[in-house]
Amino acid sequence: MSETAREPGDLARLFHARANAGDVEGLVALYEPQAVLAAGEVVATGHDAIRRFYTDLLARKSDFPEPETLPAITNGDLGLTFARLPNGSFSVEAARRQPDGRWLWAIDQLKIKPAKKD
């Protein structure tokens, strides 16, 4: 089984490694089953839509620069994760601790602008 996020701050590190490895299923595994992912005009809800989004994104983008991960803020089973991207923008995500103790993103405002559909 792939490594899981034992702390909310692990999610960004796992995202970076899996995105650069082209691991779509590994990326999907970082999200709750009904998570919402927003990126520019694209909004994906649930694993199937998130899988389609990352399949398309990874087919077009070859590398993901490592962000500066900032300390997560938690309150019980809820957490906010933050990263400063190399271009200076911030990414903020809402994470939730699962019954088995691992953390998954419930809401992700991804700061990668997808290509426009023709």
C-alpha atoms as a PDB file:
ATOM      1  CA  MET A   1       0.000   0.000   0.000  1.00  0.00           C
ATOM      2  CA  SER A   2       1.204   3.538  -0.726  1.00  0.00           C
ATOM      3  CA  GLU A   3       2.325   5.829   2.058  1.00  0.00           C
ATOM      4  CA  THR A   4      -0.539   7.712   3.691  1.00  0.00           C
ATOM      5  CA  ALA A   5      -0.646  11.141   5.307  1.00  0.00           C
ATOM      6  CA  ARG A   6      -0.344  10.649   9.067  1.00  0.00           C
ATOM      7  CA  GLU A   7      -0.380  14.442   9.547  1.00  0.00           C
ATOM      8  CA  PRO A   8      -2.101  17.077   7.356  1.00  0.00           C
ATOM      9  CA  GLY A   9       1.282  18.498   6.350  1.00  0.00           C
ATOM     10  CA  ASP A  10       2.194  15.167   4.735  1.00  0.00           C
ATOM     11  CA  LEU A  11      -0.374  15.722   1.976  1.00  0.00           C
ATOM     12  CA  ALA A  12       1.645  18.357   0.067  1.00  0.00           C
ATOM     13  CA  ARG A  13       4.809  16.231   0.163  1.00  0.00           C
ATOM     14  CA  LEU A  14       2.901  13.183  -1.080  1.00  0.00           C
ATOM     15  CA  PHE A  15       1.203  15.280  -3.773  1.00  0.00           C
ATOM     16  CA  HIS A  16       4.542  16.576  -5.048  1.00  0.00           C
ATOM     17  CA  ALA A  17       6.130  13.123  -5.181  1.00  0.00           C
ATOM     18  CA  ARG A  18       3.133  11.474  -6.846  1.00  0.00           C
ATOM     19  CA  ALA A  19       2.556  14.256  -9.380  1.00  0.00           C
ATOM     20  CA  ASN A  20       6.198  14.156 -10.476  1.00  0.00           C
ATOM     21  CA  ALA A  21       6.017  10.345 -10.702  1.00  0.00           C
ATOM     22  CA  GLY A  22       2.906  10.589 -12.928  1.00  0.00           C
ATOM     23  CA  ASP A  23       0.925   8.584 -10.337  1.00  0.00           C
ATOM     24  CA  VAL A  24      -2.702   9.515 -11.014  1.00  0.00           C
ATOM     25  CA  GLU A  25      -4.124   6.876  -8.660  1.00  0.00           C
ATOM     26  CA  GLY A  26      -1.741   8.007  -5.932  1.00  0.00           C
ATOM     27  CA  LEU A  27      -3.002  11.576  -6.335  1.00  0.00           C
ATOM     28  CA  VAL A  28      -6.643  10.486  -6.209  1.00  0.00           C
ATOM     29  CA  ALA A  29      -5.867   8.579  -2.992  1.00  0.00           C
ATOM     30  CA  LEU A  30      -5.028  11.896  -1.287  1.00  0.00           C
ATOM     31  CA  TYR A  31      -8.688  12.979  -1.490  1.00  0.00           C
ATOM     32  CA  GLU A  32     -11.867  11.950   0.271  1.00  0.00           C
ATOM     33  CA  PRO A  33     -14.299  10.059  -2.009  1.00  0.00           C
ATOM     34  CA  GLN A  34     -16.533  13.143  -2.466  1.00  0.00           C
ATOM     35  CA  ALA A  35     -13.798  15.791  -2.290  1.00  0.00           C
ATOM     36  CA  VAL A  36     -14.032  18.984  -4.320  1.00  0.00           C
ATOM     37  CA  LEU A  37     -11.088  20.160  -6.407  1.00  0.00           C
ATOM     38  CA  ALA A  38     -11.144  23.616  -7.986  1.00  0.00           C
ATOM     39  CA  ALA A  39      -8.511  24.746 -10.478  1.00  0.00           C
ATOM     40  CA  GLY A  40      -9.225  27.831 -12.527  1.00  0.00           C
ATOM     41  CA  GLU A  41     -12.552  27.129 -14.200  1.00  0.00           C
ATOM     42  CA  VAL A  42     -12.445  23.383 -13.594  1.00  0.00           C
ATOM     43  CA  VAL A  43     -14.267  21.917 -10.625  1.00  0.00           C
ATOM     44  CA  ALA A  44     -14.059  18.197  -9.996  1.00  0.00           C
ATOM     45  CA  THR A  45     -16.180  16.489  -7.357  1.00  0.00           C
ATOM     46  CA  GLY A  46     -15.470  12.925  -6.348  1.00  0.00           C
ATOM     47  CA  HIS A  47     -12.760  10.434  -7.215  1.00  0.00           C
ATOM     48  CA  ASP A  48     -13.867   9.803 -10.815  1.00  0.00           C
ATOM     49  CA  ALA A  49     -13.824  13.496 -11.753  1.00  0.00           C
ATOM     50  CA  ILE A  50     -10.574  14.108  -9.857  1.00  0.00           C
ATOM     51  CA  ARG A  51      -9.012  11.136 -11.669  1.00  0.00           C
ATOM     52  CA  ARG A  52     -10.046  12.589 -15.048  1.00  0.00           C
ATOM     53  CA  PHE A  53      -8.628  15.985 -14.086  1.00  0.00           C
ATOM     54  CA  TYR A  54      -5.237  14.588 -13.058  1.00  0.00           C
ATOM     55  CA  THR A  55      -5.045  12.209 -16.028  1.00  0.00           C
ATOM     56  CA  ASP A  56      -5.431  15.224 -18.322  1.00  0.00           C
ATOM     57  CA  LEU A  57      -3.107  17.444 -16.282  1.00  0.00           C
ATOM     58  CA  LEU A  58      -0.289  14.902 -16.061  1.00  0.00           C
ATOM     59  CA  ALA A  59      -0.530  14.239 -19.794  1.00  0.00           C
ATOM     60  CA  ARG A  60       0.268  17.938 -20.408  1.00  0.00           C
ATOM     61  CA  LYS A  61       2.644  18.876 -17.573  1.00  0.00           C
ATOM     62  CA  SER A  62       5.971  17.135 -17.105  1.00  0.00           C
ATOM     63  CA  ASP A  63       7.153  18.464 -13.739  1.00  0.00           C
ATOM     64  CA  PHE A  64       5.820  20.138 -10.641  1.00  0.00           C
ATOM     65  CA  PRO A  65       8.256  22.411  -8.775  1.00  0.00           C
ATOM     66  CA  GLU A  66       8.431  21.785  -5.047  1.00  0.00           C
ATOM     67  CA  PRO A  67       6.398  24.316  -3.053  1.00  0.00           C
ATOM     68  CA  GLU A  68       7.350  25.782   0.290  1.00  0.00           C
ATOM     69  CA  THR A  69       5.045  23.912   2.648  1.00  0.00           C
ATOM     70  CA  LEU A  70       3.825  26.028   5.538  1.00  0.00           C
ATOM     71  CA  PRO A  71       2.699  24.569   8.875  1.00  0.00           C
ATOM     72  CA  ALA A  72      -0.833  23.179   8.867  1.00  0.00           C
ATOM     73  CA  ILE A  73      -3.465  24.536  11.236  1.00  0.00           C
ATOM     74  CA  THR A  74      -5.625  21.901  12.909  1.00  0.00           C
ATOM     75  CA  ASN A  75      -8.697  21.856  15.099  1.00  0.00           C
ATOM     76  CA  GLY A  76      -9.572  18.322  16.080  1.00  0.00           C
ATOM     77  CA  ASP A  77     -10.210  16.327  12.923  1.00  0.00           C
ATOM     78  CA  LEU A  78     -10.081  19.377  10.600  1.00  0.00           C
ATOM     79  CA  GLY A  79      -6.986  20.933   9.125  1.00  0.00           C
ATOM     80  CA  LEU A  80      -5.914  23.649   6.718  1.00  0.00           C
ATOM     81  CA  THR A  81      -2.816  23.009   4.648  1.00  0.00           C
ATOM     82  CA  PHE A  82      -0.847  25.755   2.932  1.00  0.00           C
ATOM     83  CA  ALA A  83       1.899  25.933   0.357  1.00  0.00           C
ATOM     84  CA  ARG A  84       3.674  28.870  -1.276  1.00  0.00           C
ATOM     85  CA  LEU A  85       4.310  27.990  -4.905  1.00  0.00           C
ATOM     86  CA  PRO A  86       7.459  29.033  -6.777  1.00  0.00           C
ATOM     87  CA  ASN A  87       5.461  31.738  -8.609  1.00  0.00           C
ATOM     88  CA  GLY A  88       4.541  33.311  -5.235  1.00  0.00           C
ATOM     89  CA  SER A  89       0.882  32.238  -5.162  1.00  0.00           C
ATOM     90  CA  PHE A  90      -0.561  30.255  -2.271  1.00  0.00           C
ATOM     91  CA  SER A  91      -2.440  26.995  -2.292  1.00  0.00           C
ATOM     92  CA  VAL A  92      -4.860  26.333   0.581  1.00  0.00           C
ATOM     93  CA  GLU A  93      -6.656  23.058   1.206  1.00  0.00           C
ATOM     94  CA  ALA A  94      -9.085  21.712   3.798  1.00  0.00           C
ATOM     95  CA  ALA A  95      -8.157  18.291   5.159  1.00  0.00           C
ATOM     96  CA  ARG A  96     -10.003  15.907   7.448  1.00  0.00           C
ATOM     97  CA  ARG A  97      -8.711  13.104   9.666  1.00  0.00           C
ATOM     98  CA  GLN A  98     -10.296   9.813   8.657  1.00  0.00           C
ATOM     99  CA  PRO A  99     -11.509   7.152  11.124  1.00  0.00           C
ATOM    100  CA  ASP A 100      -8.326   5.126  10.443  1.00  0.00           C
ATOM    101  CA  GLY A 101      -6.131   8.121  11.419  1.00  0.00           C
ATOM    102  CA  ARG A 102      -4.891   9.173   7.979  1.00  0.00           C
ATOM    103  CA  TRP A 103      -5.561  12.655   6.603  1.00  0.00           C
ATOM    104  CA  LEU A 104      -7.238  13.346   3.247  1.00  0.00           C
ATOM    105  CA  TRP A 105      -8.122  16.539   1.453  1.00  0.00           C
ATOM    106  CA  ALA A 106     -11.834  17.383   1.365  1.00  0.00           C
ATOM    107  CA  ILE A 107     -11.424  20.677  -0.546  1.00  0.00           C
ATOM    108  CA  ASP A 108      -8.490  21.654  -2.751  1.00  0.00           C
ATOM    109  CA  GLN A 109      -8.042  24.993  -4.495  1.00  0.00           C
ATOM    110  CA  LEU A 110      -5.296  23.897  -6.882  1.00  0.00           C
ATOM    111  CA  LYS A 111      -3.168  26.744  -8.239  1.00  0.00           C
ATOM    112  CA  ILE A 112      -2.444  25.228 -11.642  1.00  0.00           C
ATOM    113  CA  LYS A 113      -4.387  26.800 -14.453  1.00  0.00           C
ATOM    114  CA  PRO A 114      -5.699  24.111 -16.805  1.00  0.00           C
ATOM    115  CA  ALA A 115      -5.480  24.507 -20.562  1.00  0.00           C
ATOM    116  CA  LYS A 116      -8.580  25.907 -22.245  1.00  0.00           C
ATOM    117  CA  LYS A 117     -10.707  23.373 -24.056  1.00  0.00           C
ATOM    118  CA  ASP A 118     -11.183  24.044 -27.755  1.00  0.00           C
END
